[in-house]
Amino acid sequence: MSGLKKGTKLTDNPKDYLLRVRLDEQTLGKLDKCCEVKGLNRSEVVRRGIEQQYAEVQK
């Protein structure tokens, strides 16, 4: 048996870093609304936002 814990997800892109962000109530509400409408969790919305900002910087 392998050394992996039960329930460990195997992925090609592991998420090894944790980011903690301070938000005001209004910004948190906007984030949660985006999550609800798009059907994504907070982490995925933040990742996509970073990708969008990075793409703009590369232009």
C-alpha atoms as a PDB file:
ATOM      1  CA  MET A   1       0.000   0.000   0.000  1.00  0.00           C
ATOM      2  CA  SER A   2       1.304   3.474  -0.842  1.00  0.00           C
ATOM      3  CA  GLY A   3       2.116   6.198   1.663  1.00  0.00           C
ATOM      4  CA  LEU A   4      -0.798   8.368   0.558  1.00  0.00           C
ATOM      5  CA  LYS A   5      -3.570   9.112   2.995  1.00  0.00           C
ATOM      6  CA  LYS A   6      -7.042   7.894   2.173  1.00  0.00           C
ATOM      7  CA  GLY A   7      -8.867  10.557   0.178  1.00  0.00           C
ATOM      8  CA  THR A   8      -5.697  12.216  -1.092  1.00  0.00           C
ATOM      9  CA  LYS A   9      -6.350  13.667  -4.534  1.00  0.00           C
ATOM     10  CA  LEU A  10      -3.711  12.991  -7.143  1.00  0.00           C
ATOM     11  CA  THR A  11      -3.171  16.016  -9.360  1.00  0.00           C
ATOM     12  CA  ASP A  12      -0.742  17.323 -11.946  1.00  0.00           C
ATOM     13  CA  ASN A  13      -0.899  20.771 -10.344  1.00  0.00           C
ATOM     14  CA  PRO A  14      -0.749  20.489  -6.543  1.00  0.00           C
ATOM     15  CA  LYS A  15      -1.647  23.595  -4.544  1.00  0.00           C
ATOM     16  CA  ASP A  16       1.184  23.769  -2.006  1.00  0.00           C
ATOM     17  CA  TYR A  17       0.860  27.427  -0.976  1.00  0.00           C
ATOM     18  CA  LEU A  18      -1.727  29.021   1.279  1.00  0.00           C
ATOM     19  CA  LEU A  19      -2.658  32.695   0.840  1.00  0.00           C
ATOM     20  CA  ARG A  20      -4.415  34.621   3.571  1.00  0.00           C
ATOM     21  CA  VAL A  21      -6.105  37.879   2.595  1.00  0.00           C
ATOM     22  CA  ARG A  22      -7.856  40.533   4.663  1.00  0.00           C
ATOM     23  CA  LEU A  23     -11.097  41.773   3.083  1.00  0.00           C
ATOM     24  CA  ASP A  24     -13.767  44.234   4.099  1.00  0.00           C
ATOM     25  CA  GLU A  25     -17.383  43.069   4.186  1.00  0.00           C
ATOM     26  CA  GLN A  26     -18.238  44.663   0.832  1.00  0.00           C
ATOM     27  CA  THR A  27     -15.356  42.981  -1.001  1.00  0.00           C
ATOM     28  CA  LEU A  28     -16.138  39.631   0.612  1.00  0.00           C
ATOM     29  CA  GLY A  29     -19.731  39.995  -0.548  1.00  0.00           C
ATOM     30  CA  LYS A  30     -18.545  40.612  -4.106  1.00  0.00           C
ATOM     31  CA  LEU A  31     -16.318  37.540  -3.949  1.00  0.00           C
ATOM     32  CA  ASP A  32     -19.142  35.376  -2.631  1.00  0.00           C
ATOM     33  CA  LYS A  33     -21.518  36.669  -5.321  1.00  0.00           C
ATOM     34  CA  CYS A  34     -18.988  35.729  -8.017  1.00  0.00           C
ATOM     35  CA  CYS A  35     -18.674  32.273  -6.454  1.00  0.00           C
ATOM     36  CA  GLU A  36     -22.437  31.799  -6.388  1.00  0.00           C
ATOM     37  CA  VAL A  37     -23.030  32.949  -9.970  1.00  0.00           C
ATOM     38  CA  LYS A  38     -20.107  31.032 -11.467  1.00  0.00           C
ATOM     39  CA  GLY A  39     -20.487  27.933  -9.294  1.00  0.00           C
ATOM     40  CA  LEU A  40     -16.880  28.102  -8.111  1.00  0.00           C
ATOM     41  CA  ASN A  41     -15.245  28.172  -4.709  1.00  0.00           C
ATOM     42  CA  ARG A  42     -13.391  31.223  -3.392  1.00  0.00           C
ATOM     43  CA  SER A  43      -9.968  29.797  -4.191  1.00  0.00           C
ATOM     44  CA  GLU A  44     -10.824  29.183  -7.835  1.00  0.00           C
ATOM     45  CA  VAL A  45     -12.299  32.681  -8.263  1.00  0.00           C
ATOM     46  CA  VAL A  46      -9.119  34.191  -6.782  1.00  0.00           C
ATOM     47  CA  ARG A  47      -6.902  32.015  -9.020  1.00  0.00           C
ATOM     48  CA  ARG A  48      -8.853  33.102 -12.100  1.00  0.00           C
ATOM     49  CA  GLY A  49      -8.602  36.734 -11.015  1.00  0.00           C
ATOM     50  CA  ILE A  50      -4.836  36.398 -10.702  1.00  0.00           C
ATOM     51  CA  GLU A  51      -4.647  34.831 -14.174  1.00  0.00           C
ATOM     52  CA  GLN A  52      -6.736  37.678 -15.600  1.00  0.00           C
ATOM     53  CA  GLN A  53      -4.542  40.343 -13.986  1.00  0.00           C
ATOM     54  CA  TYR A  54      -1.375  38.558 -15.119  1.00  0.00           C
ATOM     55  CA  ALA A  55      -2.651  38.404 -18.715  1.00  0.00           C
ATOM     56  CA  GLU A  56      -3.259  42.169 -18.648  1.00  0.00           C
ATOM     57  CA  VAL A  57       0.256  42.834 -17.348  1.00  0.00           C
ATOM     58  CA  GLN A  58       1.772  40.724 -20.139  1.00  0.00           C
ATOM     59  CA  LYS A  59       0.181  42.865 -22.897  1.00  0.00           C
END
